[in-house]
Structure formats: C-alpha cells, structure tokens
Protein backbone atom coordinates (compact mmCIF):
# COMPACT_ATOMS: atom_id res chain seq x y z
CA MET A 1 83.20 35.46 -81.38
CA HIS A 2 83.71 33.36 -78.38
CA ALA A 3 81.16 30.24 -77.03
CA VAL A 4 80.67 30.48 -73.71
CA THR A 5 80.65 27.02 -72.07
CA ALA A 6 79.84 26.54 -68.35
CA SER A 7 82.35 25.44 -66.20
CA PRO A 8 81.79 21.53 -64.77
CA ILE A 9 80.46 20.96 -61.45
CA ASP A 10 82.84 19.63 -59.41
CA PRO A 11 81.91 15.92 -58.73
CA ASN A 12 83.08 15.98 -55.10
CA ARG A 13 80.55 19.23 -54.95
CA ARG A 14 77.78 17.22 -56.06
CA VAL A 15 78.03 14.44 -54.23
CA THR A 16 78.24 16.25 -50.74
CA VAL A 17 74.58 18.03 -52.09
CA PHE A 18 73.28 15.81 -53.09
CA GLY A 19 73.37 13.97 -49.64
CA TRP A 20 72.59 17.57 -47.64
CA LEU A 21 69.61 16.66 -49.44
CA THR A 22 68.53 14.18 -46.74
CA ILE A 23 67.24 16.92 -45.33
CA LEU A 24 64.29 16.41 -46.28
CA PRO A 25 63.10 13.01 -44.86
CA LEU A 26 64.11 13.97 -41.66
CA LEU A 27 62.56 17.32 -41.44
CA VAL A 28 59.56 15.20 -42.71
CA TRP A 29 60.10 13.69 -39.21
CA TRP A 30 60.37 16.85 -37.50
CA ALA A 31 57.22 18.40 -39.47
CA GLY A 32 54.95 14.98 -38.10
CA TRP A 33 56.82 14.63 -34.39
CA PHE A 34 56.98 18.45 -33.15
CA PRO A 35 58.25 19.66 -31.11
CA ALA A 36 60.27 16.77 -30.35
CA ILE A 37 60.72 12.62 -29.23
CA MET A 38 61.10 12.93 -25.68
CA SER A 39 61.58 10.22 -22.80
CA SER A 40 61.73 11.31 -19.31
CA ASP A 41 65.38 12.11 -19.65
CA SER A 42 64.25 15.07 -22.22
CA ILE A 43 61.81 16.35 -19.65
CA ASP A 44 64.13 16.84 -17.01
CA GLN A 45 67.49 18.86 -19.15
CA TRP A 46 64.58 20.70 -20.63
CA GLY A 47 63.86 21.99 -17.63
CA GLN A 48 67.07 22.36 -16.58
CA VAL A 49 66.89 24.76 -19.37
CA LEU A 50 63.67 26.63 -18.42
CA ALA A 51 65.02 27.13 -15.17
CA PHE A 52 69.12 27.73 -15.59
CA ASP A 53 69.91 25.27 -13.55
CA PHE A 54 71.94 22.51 -14.10
CA GLN A 55 72.95 19.37 -13.31
CA ASN A 56 75.41 17.56 -14.30
CA VAL A 57 74.27 13.78 -14.24
CA HIS A 58 73.37 14.59 -18.03
CA PRO A 59 76.89 16.13 -19.40
CA ILE A 60 76.52 19.76 -18.63
CA THR A 61 78.10 19.53 -22.39
CA ASP A 62 75.44 18.41 -23.95
CA THR A 63 72.63 20.54 -21.87
CA ALA A 64 74.31 23.76 -22.49
CA PHE A 65 73.91 23.29 -26.67
CA LEU A 66 70.22 22.70 -25.44
CA TRP A 67 70.11 26.01 -23.10
CA VAL A 68 72.47 28.04 -26.41
CA VAL A 69 69.75 26.76 -28.83
CA SER A 70 66.93 27.64 -26.43
CA LEU A 71 68.45 31.44 -26.82
CA VAL A 72 67.60 31.60 -29.99
CA TRP A 73 64.19 29.44 -30.22
CA GLU A 74 63.03 28.36 -26.52
CA SER A 75 61.66 25.38 -28.00
CA PRO A 76 63.03 21.53 -28.06
CA GLY A 77 61.42 22.09 -31.25
CA ALA A 78 64.64 23.84 -32.00
CA VAL A 79 67.00 21.90 -30.89
CA ALA A 80 65.44 18.65 -32.67
CA LEU A 81 65.42 20.96 -35.88
CA VAL A 82 69.34 21.87 -35.01
CA GLN A 83 70.07 17.93 -34.63
CA VAL A 84 68.56 17.24 -38.64
CA PHE A 85 70.64 19.84 -40.09
CA LEU A 86 73.81 18.81 -38.39
CA PHE A 87 72.65 15.24 -39.01
CA ALA A 88 71.99 15.71 -42.90
CA LEU A 89 75.52 17.70 -42.83
CA LEU A 90 77.31 14.67 -41.80
CA LEU A 91 75.53 12.55 -44.36
CA GLY A 92 76.57 15.18 -47.03
CA ILE A 93 80.56 14.77 -45.81
CA VAL A 94 79.96 11.60 -45.35
CA ALA A 95 78.91 11.05 -48.57
CA ARG A 96 81.66 12.76 -50.35
CA ARG A 97 84.66 10.97 -48.12
CA LEU A 98 83.39 7.81 -49.63
CA VAL A 99 83.52 9.37 -53.38
CA GLN A 100 87.27 10.55 -52.62
CA ILE A 101 88.25 6.74 -51.54
CA GLY A 102 86.81 5.18 -54.40
CA ILE A 103 83.01 4.54 -53.89
CA PRO A 104 80.91 5.22 -57.50
CA GLN A 105 79.46 8.43 -56.71
CA TRP A 106 75.88 6.44 -57.23
CA LEU A 107 76.96 4.24 -53.80
CA SER A 108 77.62 6.68 -51.83
CA ILE A 109 74.87 9.09 -52.25
CA GLY A 110 72.38 6.20 -52.13
CA VAL A 111 73.71 4.67 -49.01
CA VAL A 112 73.20 8.23 -46.97
CA TRP A 113 69.90 8.60 -48.29
CA VAL A 114 69.17 4.70 -47.14
CA ILE A 115 70.25 5.76 -43.83
CA ALA A 116 68.34 8.89 -44.02
CA LEU A 117 65.16 7.20 -45.29
CA LEU A 118 65.15 4.33 -42.15
CA PRO A 119 62.46 5.30 -39.39
CA MET A 120 64.67 4.00 -36.78
CA THR A 121 67.13 7.08 -38.31
CA GLY A 122 64.37 9.43 -38.87
CA ALA A 123 63.15 8.47 -35.21
CA THR A 124 65.90 8.82 -33.30
CA THR A 125 67.74 11.58 -34.74
CA ILE A 126 64.62 14.34 -33.92
CA ALA A 127 64.95 12.86 -29.48
CA ILE A 128 66.57 15.19 -27.23
CA TRP A 129 69.04 13.17 -26.21
CA LYS A 130 72.51 13.62 -26.01
CA ASP A 131 73.16 9.68 -27.64
CA ILE A 132 71.84 11.61 -31.04
CA PRO A 133 74.52 15.03 -30.32
CA PHE A 134 77.32 11.71 -29.50
CA THR A 135 76.33 9.77 -32.36
CA ILE A 136 76.76 12.92 -34.85
CA ALA A 137 79.54 13.26 -33.06
CA MET A 138 81.31 9.76 -33.85
CA GLY A 139 80.61 9.60 -37.56
CA TRP A 140 82.41 12.82 -37.86
CA VAL A 141 85.31 10.95 -37.04
CA PHE A 142 84.23 8.33 -38.86
CA THR A 143 84.62 10.61 -42.02
CA GLU A 144 87.81 12.42 -40.02
CA LEU A 145 89.28 8.43 -40.64
CA LEU A 146 88.29 8.02 -44.49
CA LEU A 147 90.42 11.40 -44.92
CA LEU A 148 93.54 9.65 -43.66
CA ALA A 149 92.85 6.14 -45.60
CA ASN A 150 92.80 8.53 -48.43
CA GLY A 151 96.11 10.57 -48.12
CA ARG A 152 97.75 9.67 -44.60
CA THR A 153 100.96 11.81 -45.89
CA ARG A 154 98.67 14.86 -46.93
CA PHE A 155 96.54 13.84 -43.65
CA TRP A 156 99.74 14.72 -41.21
CA ALA A 157 101.22 17.39 -43.29
CA THR A 158 99.76 19.77 -41.39
CA TRP A 159 97.76 20.57 -37.82
CA TYR A 160 93.98 20.65 -39.05
CA GLY A 161 93.16 17.31 -39.95
CA PRO A 162 94.98 15.74 -36.47
CA ALA A 163 92.92 18.83 -35.08
CA ARG A 164 89.56 18.09 -36.32
CA LEU A 165 89.46 14.34 -35.99
CA GLY A 166 90.51 15.70 -32.44
CA ILE A 167 87.72 17.95 -31.97
CA GLY A 168 85.62 14.67 -33.33
CA LEU A 169 86.76 12.53 -30.73
CA GLY A 170 86.45 15.30 -28.14
CA LEU A 171 83.43 15.89 -28.92
CA MET A 172 83.08 12.05 -28.40
CA TRP A 173 84.60 12.42 -24.16
CA ALA A 174 82.15 15.66 -23.66
CA LEU A 175 79.00 14.01 -24.42
CA ARG A 176 78.32 10.66 -23.02
CA VAL A 177 79.97 9.88 -19.40
CA ASN A 178 81.65 7.12 -20.67
CA GLY A 179 83.06 8.41 -23.59
CA LYS A 180 86.12 8.48 -22.45
CA LEU A 181 86.85 4.82 -22.44
CA THR A 182 86.68 4.75 -26.50
CA VAL A 183 88.36 7.67 -26.88
CA VAL A 184 91.32 7.51 -24.89
CA VAL A 185 92.02 4.06 -25.69
CA PHE A 186 91.82 5.41 -29.71
CA ILE A 187 94.00 7.88 -29.17
CA LEU A 188 96.99 6.39 -27.93
CA ALA A 189 96.55 3.97 -30.15
CA LEU A 190 96.71 6.69 -33.09
CA ALA A 191 99.86 7.42 -30.61
CA VAL A 192 101.53 4.23 -31.63
CA GLY A 193 100.33 3.30 -35.07
CA PHE A 194 101.76 7.57 -36.08
CA ARG A 195 104.37 7.78 -33.05
CA THR A 196 106.62 9.25 -36.21
CA GLN A 197 103.79 11.98 -36.58
CA TRP A 198 104.15 12.92 -32.41
CA LYS A 199 104.08 16.92 -33.10
CA ASN A 200 100.64 16.72 -34.83
CA ILE A 201 99.74 13.39 -32.40
CA LEU A 202 100.07 16.12 -29.46
CA VAL A 203 97.67 18.48 -31.53
CA LEU A 204 95.71 16.50 -31.82
CA GLY A 205 95.45 14.72 -28.09
CA ALA A 206 95.51 18.97 -27.67
CA SER A 207 92.31 19.38 -29.53
CA THR A 208 90.40 16.40 -27.59
CA LEU A 209 91.08 17.73 -24.16
CA GLY A 210 90.29 20.84 -24.91
CA ILE A 211 86.89 19.65 -25.66
CA GLY A 212 86.11 16.33 -23.91
CA VAL A 213 87.81 18.21 -20.85
CA ALA A 214 88.42 21.72 -20.64
CA LEU A 215 85.03 22.91 -22.46
CA PRO A 216 83.34 21.39 -19.76
CA GLY A 217 85.21 22.58 -17.14
CA ILE A 218 85.08 26.15 -18.39
CA LEU A 219 80.81 25.29 -18.84
CA ILE A 220 80.83 24.03 -14.94
CA ALA A 221 83.06 27.49 -13.68
CA VAL A 222 80.50 29.49 -15.98
CA LEU A 223 76.88 28.13 -15.68
CA PRO A 224 75.28 27.84 -12.28
CA VAL A 225 75.98 24.11 -12.45
CA THR A 226 75.86 21.17 -9.41
CA ASN A 227 78.89 19.22 -10.09
CA ARG A 228 77.43 15.52 -9.16
CA PRO A 229 78.53 13.37 -12.42
CA ILE A 230 77.11 9.71 -12.46
CA GLU A 231 79.26 7.72 -10.33
CA PRO A 232 80.46 4.38 -12.04
CA ALA A 233 79.32 2.43 -8.98
CA GLN A 234 75.96 3.34 -9.90
CA VAL A 235 76.04 1.88 -12.86
CA PHE A 236 77.56 -1.22 -11.95
CA MET A 237 75.37 -2.11 -8.90
CA PRO A 238 73.15 -4.67 -11.45
CA ASP A 239 76.04 -6.55 -11.67
CA VAL A 240 75.68 -7.04 -7.30
CA GLY A 241 72.21 -7.19 -7.59
CA SER A 242 72.63 -10.31 -9.95
CA VAL A 243 74.21 -11.96 -7.00
CA VAL A 244 72.24 -11.28 -4.29
CA VAL A 245 69.27 -12.87 -6.72
CA ASN A 246 71.68 -15.79 -7.63
CA ASP A 247 74.09 -16.57 -5.55
CA LEU A 248 73.21 -14.74 -2.21
CA GLN A 249 75.13 -16.94 -0.26
CA ALA A 250 78.30 -15.84 -2.22
CA LEU A 251 77.96 -12.31 -0.05
CA SER A 252 79.16 -11.66 3.58
CA ALA A 253 77.31 -10.37 5.45
CA GLU A 254 79.35 -6.55 5.40
CA ASP A 255 78.18 -7.46 2.06
CA LEU A 256 74.59 -7.23 2.62
CA GLU A 257 74.95 -4.46 5.02
CA LEU A 258 75.78 -1.97 2.37
CA ILE A 259 73.07 -3.75 -0.50
CA GLN A 260 70.15 -3.57 2.41
CA ALA A 261 71.35 0.29 2.68
CA VAL A 262 71.00 0.90 -0.84
CA ALA A 263 67.47 -1.19 -0.57
CA PRO A 264 65.95 -4.34 1.22
CA LEU A 265 66.12 -6.97 -0.20
CA ARG A 266 62.72 -7.74 -1.12
CA VAL A 267 63.71 -5.62 -3.90
CA TRP A 268 66.65 -6.32 -5.25
CA GLU A 269 65.22 -9.80 -5.56
CA GLU A 270 61.70 -8.49 -6.96
CA LYS A 271 62.99 -5.81 -9.27
CA TYR A 272 65.75 -7.20 -10.69
CA ALA A 273 65.98 -7.91 -14.41
CA CYS A 274 69.22 -8.83 -15.85
CA GLY A 275 68.67 -7.24 -19.62
CA ASP A 276 66.56 -4.02 -18.14
CA SER A 277 67.99 -2.32 -15.06
CA SER A 278 65.69 0.45 -15.29
CA PRO A 279 62.76 -1.05 -12.44
CA LEU A 280 65.39 -1.75 -10.06
CA LEU A 281 67.58 1.50 -10.49
CA PHE A 282 64.21 3.65 -10.36
CA ASP A 283 62.54 2.27 -7.60
CA PRO A 284 60.72 4.25 -4.89
CA GLU A 285 63.08 2.64 -2.46
CA TYR A 286 66.13 2.76 -3.93
CA ASP A 287 67.94 4.69 -2.98
CA ASN A 288 71.30 6.27 -5.01
CA SER A 289 72.12 8.42 -3.00
CA VAL A 290 74.02 5.98 -0.46
CA ILE A 291 75.96 4.74 -3.47
CA GLN A 292 76.80 8.55 -4.03
CA GLU A 293 77.77 9.73 -0.39
CA ASN A 294 80.18 6.43 0.03
CA ALA A 295 81.53 5.72 -3.85
CA SER A 296 84.45 4.18 -2.26
CA ALA A 297 82.59 1.04 -0.29
CA TYR A 298 80.17 0.60 -3.45
CA ARG A 299 83.33 -0.04 -5.53
CA ALA A 300 84.86 -1.68 -3.22
CA LEU A 301 81.67 -4.01 -3.03
CA ILE A 302 81.10 -4.45 -7.05
CA ILE A 303 84.60 -5.47 -6.72
CA ARG A 304 84.04 -7.95 -4.81
CA SER A 305 81.43 -9.58 -5.79
CA ALA A 306 82.55 -10.12 -9.20
CA PHE A 307 85.34 -11.81 -7.35
CA ALA A 308 82.85 -13.93 -4.99
CA ALA A 309 80.60 -15.19 -8.22
CA PRO A 310 82.36 -14.62 -11.16
CA GLY A 311 80.39 -16.73 -13.64
CA THR A 312 76.82 -15.17 -11.78
CA VAL A 313 78.31 -11.53 -12.50
CA ALA A 314 79.48 -12.79 -16.13
CA GLY A 315 76.10 -14.22 -16.95
CA HIS A 316 74.14 -10.64 -15.63
CA ARG A 317 76.95 -8.63 -17.82
CA TRP A 318 76.23 -10.79 -21.04
CA CYS A 319 72.16 -10.54 -20.61
CA ALA A 320 72.84 -7.30 -20.34
CA GLY A 321 74.65 -6.36 -23.24
CA GLU A 322 73.97 -9.13 -25.87
CA TYR A 323 71.23 -7.05 -27.60
CA LEU A 324 74.60 -6.27 -29.56
CA LEU A 325 75.69 -9.44 -30.30
CA SER A 326 72.39 -11.69 -30.54
CA PRO A 327 69.76 -10.97 -32.97
CA TYR A 328 67.52 -13.46 -30.90
CA ASN A 329 66.18 -12.15 -28.47
CA ARG A 330 66.09 -15.05 -25.78
CA THR A 331 65.29 -13.01 -23.06
CA GLY A 332 62.07 -11.41 -24.36
CA THR A 333 63.87 -8.34 -22.94
CA PHE A 334 62.04 -5.37 -24.33
CA VAL A 335 64.56 -3.41 -26.61
CA HIS A 336 64.30 0.65 -25.69
CA ARG A 337 63.43 3.19 -28.38
CA PRO A 338 62.51 6.60 -29.22
CA PRO A 339 59.02 6.30 -27.03
CA PHE A 340 55.78 6.77 -28.41
CA ALA A 341 54.41 9.60 -26.78
CA ILE A 342 55.89 12.47 -24.70
CA PRO A 343 55.37 11.86 -21.33
CA GLN A 344 53.81 14.12 -18.90
CA ASN A 345 54.93 16.68 -17.26
CA ASP A 346 54.55 20.60 -15.75
CA LEU A 347 56.55 22.28 -18.83
CA GLY A 348 53.39 22.32 -21.37
CA LEU A 349 55.11 20.02 -24.08
CA GLU A 350 53.14 18.01 -25.32
CA ARG A 351 52.72 16.59 -29.46
CA SER A 352 51.43 19.49 -32.14
CA PRO A 353 52.38 18.71 -35.42
CA LEU A 354 53.20 21.29 -37.96
CA SER A 355 51.29 19.25 -40.23
CA ASP A 356 49.40 16.57 -40.13
CA ARG A 357 50.78 14.52 -43.58
CA ALA A 358 54.37 14.61 -42.66
CA TYR A 359 52.89 13.01 -39.49
CA ALA A 360 50.76 10.17 -40.75
CA ILE A 361 53.44 9.48 -42.76
CA THR A 362 55.50 8.83 -40.23
CA LEU A 363 53.61 7.69 -37.86
CA TRP A 364 52.61 4.20 -40.84
CA ALA A 365 56.30 3.96 -40.71
CA TYR A 366 56.94 3.60 -37.56
CA LYS A 367 54.14 0.97 -36.77
CA ILE A 368 56.07 -1.08 -39.58
CA VAL A 369 59.02 -0.78 -38.05
CA GLU A 370 57.58 -1.70 -34.56
CA TYR A 371 56.35 -5.00 -35.55
CA PRO A 372 57.58 -7.59 -33.57
CA LYS A 373 58.11 -10.50 -35.92
CA ILE A 374 61.03 -7.94 -37.83
CA GLU A 375 62.14 -5.95 -34.35
CA TRP A 376 65.62 -8.37 -35.35
CA LEU A 377 65.29 -6.22 -38.14
CA THR A 378 64.85 -2.73 -36.83
CA TRP A 379 65.36 -2.13 -33.41
CA ARG A 380 67.35 -4.95 -32.28
CA PRO A 381 70.73 -3.52 -33.39
CA ALA A 382 72.46 -6.24 -33.13
CA ILE A 383 72.67 -7.67 -36.74
CA TYR A 384 74.35 -4.12 -37.75
CA VAL A 385 76.90 -4.53 -35.40
CA LEU A 386 77.50 -8.48 -36.95
CA ALA A 387 77.76 -6.26 -40.43
CA GLY A 388 79.64 -4.02 -38.93
CA LEU A 389 82.34 -6.84 -37.54
CA VAL A 390 82.22 -8.83 -40.81
CA THR A 391 82.67 -5.51 -43.04
CA PHE A 392 85.75 -4.41 -40.91
CA ALA A 393 86.96 -8.43 -40.99
CA ALA A 394 87.25 -8.31 -44.36
CA VAL A 395 89.26 -5.30 -44.68
CA TRP A 396 91.53 -6.32 -42.29
CA ARG A 397 91.70 -9.40 -44.71
CA ARG A 398 92.86 -6.99 -48.16
CA ARG A 399 96.50 -5.99 -47.56
CA ARG A 400 95.49 -2.57 -49.17
CA LEU A 401 92.90 -1.66 -47.70
CA ARG A 402 94.22 -1.79 -44.65
CA PRO A 403 94.24 1.80 -43.97
CA LEU A 404 90.45 1.72 -43.29
CA ALA A 405 91.54 -0.53 -40.03
CA TRP A 406 91.56 2.67 -37.89
CA ILE A 407 86.95 2.79 -38.47
CA GLY A 408 87.21 -0.58 -37.66
CA LEU A 409 89.24 -0.05 -34.28
CA LEU A 410 86.52 3.20 -33.28
CA PHE A 411 83.63 0.89 -34.02
CA VAL A 412 85.10 -2.07 -32.04
CA LEU A 413 85.82 0.38 -28.69
CA GLN A 414 83.15 1.33 -28.82
CA LEU A 415 80.86 -1.72 -29.44
CA GLY A 416 82.95 -3.21 -26.24
CA ASN A 417 82.78 0.49 -24.08
CA VAL A 418 78.12 -0.24 -24.93
CA PHE A 419 78.14 -4.05 -23.84
CA ILE A 420 80.13 -3.37 -20.86
CA THR A 421 78.86 -0.35 -19.44
CA SER A 422 74.90 -0.97 -21.34
CA PRO A 423 72.30 -0.86 -18.24
CA SER A 424 69.61 -1.98 -20.34
CA HIS A 425 68.35 -2.82 -24.02
CA GLU A 426 68.59 0.41 -25.50
CA PHE A 427 68.45 0.96 -29.67
CA ARG A 428 70.01 4.82 -29.01
CA TYR A 429 73.51 3.48 -27.01
CA ALA A 430 74.20 1.31 -30.04
CA PHE A 431 73.24 4.57 -32.60
CA GLY A 432 76.26 5.46 -33.77
CA LEU A 433 77.52 1.40 -33.91
CA TYR A 434 74.51 1.51 -36.67
CA LEU A 435 75.79 4.62 -38.08
CA ILE A 436 79.33 3.26 -38.72
CA THR A 437 78.41 -0.16 -39.86
CA LEU A 438 75.48 1.47 -42.51
CA ALA A 439 78.23 4.07 -44.23
CA SER A 440 80.44 1.10 -43.83
CA ILE A 441 78.01 -0.93 -46.38
CA PRO A 442 79.77 0.11 -49.66
CA LEU A 443 83.12 -0.62 -48.55
CA TRP A 444 82.29 -3.93 -49.54
CA TYR A 445 82.81 -2.36 -53.38
CA LEU A 446 86.42 -1.82 -52.42
CA ILE A 447 86.69 -5.64 -50.86
CA VAL A 448 85.36 -7.12 -54.23
CA GLU A 449 88.12 -5.51 -56.08
CA PRO A 450 91.08 -3.37 -53.49
CA SER A 451 92.60 -1.93 -56.84
CA ARG A 452 89.35 0.37 -57.03
CA ALA A 453 90.30 1.99 -53.74
CA LYS A 454 91.61 5.43 -53.74
CA ILE A 455 94.10 5.12 -50.21
CA GLU A 456 97.56 5.51 -49.70
CA PRO A 457 98.85 2.62 -49.15
CA SER A 458 100.06 1.92 -45.13
C-alpha cells in the first residue's frame, strides 16, 4: 500500500485566509456599536432609503447600495456588516498581492492585522458614509496595481485585468462627487504609459465609464431620484468667505450683492473659519438654493475672488487642507471623526450594542485614541500621508521597483484632490490615503533590497 500524503496548502491561499480573519476585530466593533456609527448625513441617507425617495446630493450609487442591503435586512446594522465583510475581504486580497510581489508572508499578514486592529479603522469601517465604500474601491485599485507590477505582460495579455481595474476606478468615480477628478487623470496617465496596449486601455476606460457614468445614470432613471447633485460652486464658497473676512475691499459692489443674496455679511464674518466650513455652510441664514439656482454667476464669483485676492484665497486653501500635510495643528481646528453618538432622529435609530463586552472593549480603545496629545498619531491623517509620500518617493528611486510607482501616482492624485476640495478637517476624507499608506509600509522590505522583488521590469 502506498502512504497517502496530504497536499500542501497553497501559500497564497493561506495568506488570503489569514487576511480574511481580520473580520474578527472588525466584528467586535460592529457588535459593540450596533447598529452602526451614524452622523446627520447618515440619518439623511437612511431616511431616503426608508421613504424610497432619493436625492442625488449624496451619490445615488451609495444610497442605492444602502437600499439594496435594506431589502435583505432593514437596518443600518446590515450596511455596516456588509462593509465589515468587504473590508476584511479586501485586506485578505491585499495580503495575497503583497506576497506575490515578494513581501514575506509574516509581514503581509501582520500589516493587514495592524490595519484591522487600529481603532481608527474599526470605528470608521462601521460608519454609514460613502467614504467607506469609496475607500474599499480605492483599496481594490491598489490590489490591481500590485498585480500589474507583479506581471505587466500577464496583466495586459487579456481583457480581464484591465476590466477589473476599470471597475475599481469606476466605483471611485461613482461613490464620491469629486472621485472623477482622480480617476480621469489617472486613466489618462495609464493610457500614455501603456499606449501600446490601446485595445485593453479601451476596455479599462469602458468599464470605468460603465460603472462611473452609466450605472448612476441607470439608477437615476429607474429609481425615484431628485437629480440635484452638489453644485461645485457650493463647495468653494468658503474661499469667497475668506475674502469677505480678510480682504473685503477687493470685492466689487456686484460681488457683494451676490454674496449677500446667500447670507448677510454678518453671517459670513461671524461663521467663517478657514479649517471648518460647516458653521458657515449650515447656518440657518445661509441659503444654498440661491447658489444652486444661479450656479454660473457664483462660479464666476469664485474665480473673480481668487484673482482679486490670490494670497487670501491661497491662505484659506492651505488652512483647509493642512491637516493632510502638517502633523502640528497650528489653528487648533477640530479634526472630525466618526461621531460618538447617533444624532437625535425620528427614524427610531439609537445605539443598541449586541454585546456589552464588545462595547466595553471598543469604548476603551475609542477613548485612548481620543486623547488630545496623541491626536497627531490617531485622527490627524498628516503623519500617514507624509509616510506615504516618503514611501513612494523611495520606490521611485529604486529603478527595479518603478512599476509600483503607479500606486504612488494614484496616491498623489487623490491627495491633491482631497487637499483642493476639503471643506473641513475630516478623517474620512483621507481614509483611502490612510489605508494605502499602511498597506504600502511593507514595500520598505523591497526598498532596502530590491533584488527580493517579484516584479516584472518596466
């Protein structure tokens, strides 16, 4: 008789499974903060789901995701649970892809577990915000770019890889109003960098447009949607506010008339803050509908204000985005994070932990990261962004690792996007950058010794 020997376990599969098990700490957060972490935006979206009456202020793609999940289980807890599963699934794929480019198994598994165990990850993953699906989509693109670096010839040999990458980019487009800014520039760069692969570049572009443009269009057509997306001029009106407060004489009488049609000068002067636009934009006397109804006039006003007082507007823009680049909070501006309590609402939503022990453990962790003296290391994303920039600069310097520079380009484009469009200091806006930085830290193993890399040369 011949002895029966067990087949060896595929190392890649083992790494993936260990990565998927990161669902365990994430489930502790879900059980402790059931049904989910929610803000006023979350309440608004969930109200649309219950009423089956949608608006496109929050991207309809994300609200439709909430609605589809609610058909199975009508609870924000179901949405948070799906997000937990998707995030853990993503971390498993990240670990597998890192091993495929030459990172040791222990380091690949270790980094995804560190990501999952950090309280900032746990609390944000169970929040009902479009930023979480967006971050998962950005993480998906990250894994595809690792695969591209591992074997460029194999990646472009069929339509399958480009289509997957395009779907990830399409979701980034569809899940945030400003997502298209990053995606369009990135695809143009890919088209130039891989111009000989034009057929599959077309596949990539088609799948991106299919998800980023066609899918929201279909949802708007088949669902009861009031199609009033955020007007870009609304986002940049605080730039005008900086001129009102700091350089009023630079504005013409016609400009002041437009400004006062939105809110009295007193409101602009009292509520403007360079690092947080919420007090101004949500003041009861501030009328956003005026901007929506006369968008072209207010877009022109924003441009004129920038030319009339360029130093003032540049100072405002730096103040609004400095939380991404400066670990030191010189303005003392609060960095918004997942809120502790569910806002008062008429939807019957309130905190109801499934496990008191899970709540106690996660509450202890939540309180630790709230400690003001360590905010620079917890909720303020600058230290992670800077680490990401240093990592990708080091990757670029190593010729052997240059195929990984596509990840760096995605990172820089998204950073510029968030910096330019941030209305306030919010961790969730940088969640994708935070994830990519942490997942890229193992690249230093290859930076130190590029010969270890399993990367097809450019």
